[in-house]
Amino acid sequence: MTASEMNAVEKSTVEPLTAAQGVHAPVDPYAQRVAASPVRFLYPLNPLAKLAAPIPAIVLLVFVRDLATPAAFLLLAYAILLVGVSFTRRLVLLLVALPLGAALIGLSFSLWTDASRVDQSVVIWQIGEWTLYGGALEVGMATGLRIAAIVALTLIAGLSTAGPDVVRASVQQLRVPYRIGYTALAAFRFVPRFGHELDVIRQAHRVRGAHGGRGPFAAVARWFGYIVPLLAGAIRHAERVALAMDARAFGAYPDRTERHLVPFRARDVVFIVLLWAVSAIIAWTLFPWGLA
């Protein structure tokens, strides 16, 4: 390696990334990245594409009343999540909890369904004068499947999208005023900040021995002891954020330059078109539904 090459390597490793270089960066160099295989195709997609693709299916699920349509969309969402998102413990818990929640909701709705408006040819359970008919159970399970399918479709964007990227895409593609977008982003980032400050306050109370004892009343007293320092920290953090925004002339101009771009590429259009097409095929195949 020559001396010039060694100097270039040293400069590339020592010099920090400038804002001008960050404008052309394909990814945010300071954001938390998800270590995922290239097969997990949902992460590189534009957040707006992942939000727009399931919308027709979600709107359709609001009106259907059968069992097959929500079950088909639930399986479709599961297939997309299993392929496009990293296989983590949270994903497994969600995929297991959705069918269980759908069954619980379906059973609950079937108990409250008006028996005079459903099919009474099949008796599932009878206690005294109360009877659970097969038609009521079908209506309840269809409702539970619809809710589970809608939640599963929303997880396509929820499990593969970061909040800052949603704000950036809204500002860049939807032309949302940056005053609104980045103010919302600052508000979202208050939540982890509050969590960190609450943890620090708890540790400080433990060090001072101000745990207050055990029992429900002691827990309530401890939480009241957290409120005042937490509010004080929130006010200090809000002042720092306001000063930082003023120092950067936030709101002084109608537009601002972006260091990290979230482009809308051809693959985003392909994903939307494919999911819309599959949704149309499912709807056409299972038509007509019982809308009554």
Protein backbone atom coordinates (compact mmCIF):
# COMPACT_ATOMS: atom_id res chain seq x y z
CA MET A 1 0.00 0.00 0.00
CA THR A 2 1.39 3.40 -0.97
CA ALA A 3 1.67 6.42 1.33
CA SER A 4 -1.20 8.22 -0.39
CA GLU A 5 -3.49 5.22 0.03
CA MET A 6 -2.57 4.94 3.71
CA ASN A 7 -3.37 8.62 4.22
CA ALA A 8 -6.72 8.17 2.51
CA VAL A 9 -7.56 5.22 4.75
CA GLU A 10 -6.58 7.15 7.86
CA LYS A 11 -8.72 10.13 6.84
CA SER A 12 -11.71 7.91 6.09
CA THR A 13 -11.47 6.23 9.48
CA VAL A 14 -10.73 9.29 11.58
CA GLU A 15 -12.77 12.10 10.02
CA PRO A 16 -16.43 12.22 11.11
CA LEU A 17 -19.31 12.23 8.67
CA THR A 18 -20.27 15.74 7.66
CA ALA A 19 -23.79 16.97 6.97
CA ALA A 20 -23.00 17.46 3.29
CA GLN A 21 -21.92 13.84 3.01
CA GLY A 22 -24.96 12.68 4.92
CA VAL A 23 -27.32 14.22 2.36
CA HIS A 24 -26.26 11.65 -0.19
CA ALA A 25 -26.13 8.73 2.23
CA PRO A 26 -28.53 5.89 1.25
CA VAL A 27 -29.26 5.19 4.92
CA ASP A 28 -29.25 7.26 8.08
CA PRO A 29 -25.72 6.79 9.49
CA TYR A 30 -26.82 7.75 13.00
CA ALA A 31 -30.05 5.72 13.19
CA GLN A 32 -30.39 2.33 14.83
CA ARG A 33 -30.14 -0.24 12.08
CA VAL A 34 -31.85 -3.61 12.06
CA ALA A 35 -29.42 -6.44 11.34
CA ALA A 36 -31.43 -8.50 8.86
CA SER A 37 -30.84 -10.76 5.91
CA PRO A 38 -31.37 -9.33 2.40
CA VAL A 39 -34.30 -11.75 2.14
CA ARG A 40 -36.17 -9.65 4.71
CA PHE A 41 -37.48 -7.31 2.04
CA LEU A 42 -39.76 -5.14 4.20
CA TYR A 43 -37.04 -3.10 5.91
CA PRO A 44 -35.69 -1.26 2.80
CA LEU A 45 -39.17 -0.35 1.54
CA ASN A 46 -40.53 3.16 1.87
CA PRO A 47 -42.75 3.50 4.97
CA LEU A 48 -45.55 5.03 2.92
CA ALA A 49 -45.57 1.98 0.64
CA LYS A 50 -45.92 -0.33 3.64
CA LEU A 51 -48.76 1.82 4.95
CA ALA A 52 -50.60 2.13 1.62
CA ALA A 53 -50.34 -1.50 0.48
CA PRO A 54 -52.66 -3.07 3.11
CA ILE A 55 -55.26 -0.26 3.08
CA PRO A 56 -57.65 -1.85 0.51
CA ALA A 57 -57.59 -5.14 2.40
CA ILE A 58 -58.25 -3.40 5.72
CA VAL A 59 -61.17 -1.43 4.25
CA LEU A 60 -62.57 -4.64 2.77
CA LEU A 61 -62.32 -6.44 6.10
CA VAL A 62 -64.50 -3.78 7.71
CA PHE A 63 -67.47 -4.86 5.57
CA VAL A 64 -67.11 -8.63 5.17
CA ARG A 65 -69.03 -10.99 7.44
CA ASP A 66 -67.81 -14.45 6.43
CA LEU A 67 -65.05 -16.59 7.91
CA ALA A 68 -63.05 -17.35 4.77
CA THR A 69 -62.13 -13.79 3.76
CA PRO A 70 -60.53 -12.67 7.06
CA ALA A 71 -58.84 -16.06 7.40
CA ALA A 72 -57.30 -15.66 3.93
CA PHE A 73 -56.01 -12.16 4.70
CA LEU A 74 -54.68 -13.34 8.05
CA LEU A 75 -52.68 -16.08 6.31
CA LEU A 76 -51.46 -13.56 3.72
CA ALA A 77 -50.23 -11.20 6.46
CA TYR A 78 -48.53 -14.10 8.25
CA ALA A 79 -46.73 -15.10 5.08
CA ILE A 80 -45.49 -11.55 4.46
CA LEU A 81 -44.32 -11.16 8.06
CA LEU A 82 -42.53 -14.52 8.18
CA VAL A 83 -40.61 -13.73 4.99
CA GLY A 84 -40.14 -9.97 5.21
CA VAL A 85 -39.36 -9.43 8.91
CA SER A 86 -36.57 -10.81 11.08
CA PHE A 87 -37.64 -13.84 13.11
CA THR A 88 -37.57 -12.60 16.69
CA ARG A 89 -39.21 -13.52 19.97
CA ARG A 90 -41.56 -10.55 19.68
CA LEU A 91 -42.70 -11.73 16.25
CA VAL A 92 -43.36 -15.24 17.57
CA LEU A 93 -45.36 -13.88 20.51
CA LEU A 94 -47.45 -11.70 18.22
CA LEU A 95 -48.12 -14.49 15.76
CA VAL A 96 -49.20 -16.79 18.57
CA ALA A 97 -51.22 -14.15 20.43
CA LEU A 98 -53.28 -13.08 17.40
CA PRO A 99 -55.13 -16.41 16.87
CA LEU A 100 -55.64 -16.78 20.62
CA GLY A 101 -57.01 -13.25 20.83
CA ALA A 102 -59.25 -13.89 17.82
CA ALA A 103 -60.66 -17.03 19.46
CA LEU A 104 -61.27 -15.21 22.74
CA ILE A 105 -62.93 -12.25 21.03
CA GLY A 106 -65.00 -14.58 18.85
CA LEU A 107 -66.25 -16.53 21.84
CA SER A 108 -67.07 -13.32 23.70
CA PHE A 109 -69.01 -11.86 20.77
CA SER A 110 -70.88 -15.12 20.24
CA LEU A 111 -72.16 -14.96 23.83
CA TRP A 112 -73.56 -11.45 23.25
CA THR A 113 -75.05 -12.09 19.79
CA ASP A 114 -78.83 -11.83 19.49
CA ALA A 115 -80.00 -15.42 19.05
CA SER A 116 -83.13 -14.34 17.16
CA ARG A 117 -81.02 -12.99 14.26
CA VAL A 118 -78.77 -16.01 13.64
CA ASP A 119 -79.15 -19.56 12.39
CA GLN A 120 -80.59 -21.75 15.17
CA SER A 121 -80.31 -25.11 13.43
CA VAL A 122 -77.15 -26.12 15.34
CA VAL A 123 -77.00 -26.02 19.14
CA ILE A 124 -73.47 -25.72 20.55
CA TRP A 125 -74.17 -25.30 24.25
CA GLN A 126 -77.28 -25.03 26.38
CA ILE A 127 -77.60 -24.03 30.03
CA GLY A 128 -81.18 -23.85 31.25
CA GLU A 129 -83.07 -21.49 28.98
CA TRP A 130 -79.90 -20.00 27.48
CA THR A 131 -78.60 -21.58 24.26
CA LEU A 132 -75.48 -20.93 22.23
CA TYR A 133 -76.30 -21.57 18.57
CA GLY A 134 -73.89 -22.34 15.78
CA GLY A 135 -74.92 -19.17 13.93
CA ALA A 136 -73.97 -16.99 16.91
CA LEU A 137 -70.60 -18.72 17.22
CA GLU A 138 -69.98 -18.21 13.50
CA VAL A 139 -70.75 -14.49 13.76
CA GLY A 140 -68.47 -14.12 16.79
CA MET A 141 -65.60 -16.00 15.22
CA ALA A 142 -65.93 -14.01 11.99
CA THR A 143 -65.65 -10.79 14.02
CA GLY A 144 -62.60 -12.09 15.89
CA LEU A 145 -60.92 -13.14 12.65
CA ARG A 146 -61.61 -9.74 11.09
CA ILE A 147 -59.96 -7.94 14.00
CA ALA A 148 -56.98 -10.32 13.97
CA ALA A 149 -56.54 -9.92 10.20
CA ILE A 150 -56.64 -6.12 10.44
CA VAL A 151 -54.06 -6.13 13.24
CA ALA A 152 -51.83 -8.55 11.31
CA LEU A 153 -51.95 -6.33 8.21
CA THR A 154 -50.99 -3.28 10.26
CA LEU A 155 -48.00 -5.21 11.64
CA ILE A 156 -46.49 -5.25 8.13
CA ALA A 157 -45.56 -1.61 8.62
CA GLY A 158 -45.40 -1.64 12.40
CA LEU A 159 -42.70 -4.30 12.73
CA SER A 160 -40.46 -3.08 9.91
CA THR A 161 -40.64 0.72 10.08
CA ALA A 162 -38.96 3.27 12.33
CA GLY A 163 -40.87 6.34 13.46
CA PRO A 164 -38.30 8.85 12.15
CA ASP A 165 -38.49 7.31 8.67
CA VAL A 166 -42.28 7.70 8.67
CA VAL A 167 -41.88 11.39 9.50
CA ARG A 168 -39.19 11.88 6.85
CA ALA A 169 -41.25 10.09 4.19
CA SER A 170 -44.34 12.15 5.07
CA VAL A 171 -42.37 15.38 4.77
CA GLN A 172 -40.58 14.39 1.56
CA GLN A 173 -43.32 12.52 -0.35
CA LEU A 174 -46.62 13.73 1.14
CA ARG A 175 -45.36 17.31 1.50
CA VAL A 176 -46.40 17.46 5.14
CA PRO A 177 -45.03 20.74 6.58
CA TYR A 178 -41.80 20.03 8.36
CA ARG A 179 -42.96 22.13 11.28
CA ILE A 180 -45.64 19.51 11.95
CA GLY A 181 -43.56 16.47 11.06
CA TYR A 182 -40.46 17.20 13.08
CA THR A 183 -42.48 18.53 16.00
CA ALA A 184 -44.28 15.19 16.12
CA LEU A 185 -40.92 13.42 15.86
CA ALA A 186 -39.59 15.39 18.82
CA ALA A 187 -42.72 14.49 20.79
CA PHE A 188 -42.27 10.78 20.00
CA ARG A 189 -38.68 10.91 21.21
CA PHE A 190 -39.85 12.30 24.54
CA VAL A 191 -41.22 8.84 25.45
CA PRO A 192 -37.88 6.94 25.65
CA ARG A 193 -36.39 9.99 27.34
CA PHE A 194 -39.06 9.82 30.03
CA GLY A 195 -38.40 6.11 30.46
CA HIS A 196 -34.71 6.73 31.00
CA GLU A 197 -35.33 9.54 33.49
CA LEU A 198 -37.86 7.42 35.38
CA ASP A 199 -35.28 4.65 35.69
CA VAL A 200 -32.70 7.16 37.03
CA ILE A 201 -35.21 8.51 39.57
CA ARG A 202 -36.04 5.01 40.78
CA GLN A 203 -32.38 4.19 41.23
CA ALA A 204 -31.83 7.44 43.15
CA HIS A 205 -34.73 6.60 45.47
CA ARG A 206 -33.32 3.11 46.09
CA VAL A 207 -29.89 4.53 46.90
CA ARG A 208 -31.45 6.90 49.44
CA GLY A 209 -33.60 4.13 50.88
CA ALA A 210 -36.82 5.96 50.02
CA HIS A 211 -38.62 2.87 48.74
CA GLY A 212 -41.56 3.42 51.13
CA GLY A 213 -42.12 -0.20 52.12
CA ARG A 214 -44.34 -2.79 50.50
CA GLY A 215 -47.99 -3.06 49.60
CA PRO A 216 -50.35 -1.15 47.30
CA PHE A 217 -50.34 2.07 49.35
CA ALA A 218 -46.53 2.15 49.36
CA ALA A 219 -46.54 1.68 45.55
CA VAL A 220 -48.93 4.61 45.14
CA ALA A 221 -46.75 6.74 47.42
CA ARG A 222 -43.66 5.83 45.40
CA TRP A 223 -45.34 6.86 42.15
CA PHE A 224 -46.34 10.20 43.67
CA GLY A 225 -42.70 10.64 44.61
CA TYR A 226 -41.68 10.08 40.99
CA ILE A 227 -44.06 12.70 39.53
CA VAL A 228 -42.35 15.91 40.65
CA PRO A 229 -38.78 15.06 39.54
CA LEU A 230 -40.12 13.54 36.32
CA LEU A 231 -42.04 16.72 35.49
CA ALA A 232 -38.97 18.82 36.32
CA GLY A 233 -36.84 16.72 33.99
CA ALA A 234 -39.50 16.97 31.27
CA ILE A 235 -39.53 20.76 31.51
CA ARG A 236 -35.73 20.92 31.32
CA HIS A 237 -35.70 18.59 28.31
CA ALA A 238 -38.42 20.63 26.57
CA GLU A 239 -36.41 23.82 27.09
CA ARG A 240 -33.30 22.20 25.61
CA VAL A 241 -35.26 20.99 22.59
CA ALA A 242 -36.79 24.44 22.07
CA LEU A 243 -33.37 26.10 22.26
CA ALA A 244 -31.92 23.58 19.82
CA MET A 245 -34.77 24.25 17.37
CA ASP A 246 -34.30 28.00 17.66
CA ALA A 247 -30.55 27.65 17.13
CA ARG A 248 -31.24 25.79 13.88
CA ALA A 249 -33.78 28.39 12.68
CA PHE A 250 -36.62 25.91 12.90
CA GLY A 251 -39.71 27.41 11.27
CA ALA A 252 -37.89 30.40 9.80
CA TYR A 253 -38.11 29.13 6.20
CA PRO A 254 -40.84 27.23 4.33
CA ASP A 255 -38.50 24.36 3.41
CA ARG A 256 -35.47 22.66 4.89
CA THR A 257 -32.75 20.45 3.45
CA GLU A 258 -32.72 16.78 4.38
CA ARG A 259 -29.60 14.96 5.49
CA HIS A 260 -31.26 11.54 5.19
CA LEU A 261 -33.51 10.93 2.18
CA VAL A 262 -36.23 8.28 2.13
CA PRO A 263 -36.85 7.79 -1.60
CA PHE A 264 -39.91 6.21 -3.18
CA ARG A 265 -38.45 3.63 -5.56
CA ALA A 266 -39.82 1.23 -8.16
CA ARG A 267 -39.75 -1.64 -5.67
CA ASP A 268 -42.18 0.29 -3.48
CA VAL A 269 -44.60 0.58 -6.39
CA VAL A 270 -44.18 -3.13 -7.14
CA PHE A 271 -44.94 -4.04 -3.53
CA ILE A 272 -48.11 -1.91 -3.49
CA VAL A 273 -49.34 -3.25 -6.82
CA LEU A 274 -48.66 -6.87 -5.87
CA LEU A 275 -50.43 -6.63 -2.52
CA TRP A 276 -53.37 -4.82 -4.08
CA ALA A 277 -53.56 -7.49 -6.78
CA VAL A 278 -53.48 -10.34 -4.26
CA SER A 279 -56.14 -8.57 -2.19
CA ALA A 280 -58.35 -8.20 -5.28
CA ILE A 281 -57.88 -11.89 -6.14
CA ILE A 282 -58.89 -12.95 -2.64
CA ALA A 283 -61.92 -10.68 -2.69
CA TRP A 284 -62.97 -11.87 -6.14
CA THR A 285 -62.48 -15.54 -5.29
CA LEU A 286 -64.49 -15.40 -2.07
CA PHE A 287 -67.26 -13.12 -3.41
CA PRO A 288 -70.16 -12.82 -2.60
CA TRP A 289 -69.90 -12.28 1.12
CA GLY A 290 -72.74 -12.22 3.60
CA LEU A 291 -73.20 -8.49 4.08
CA ALA A 292 -76.47 -8.84 5.88
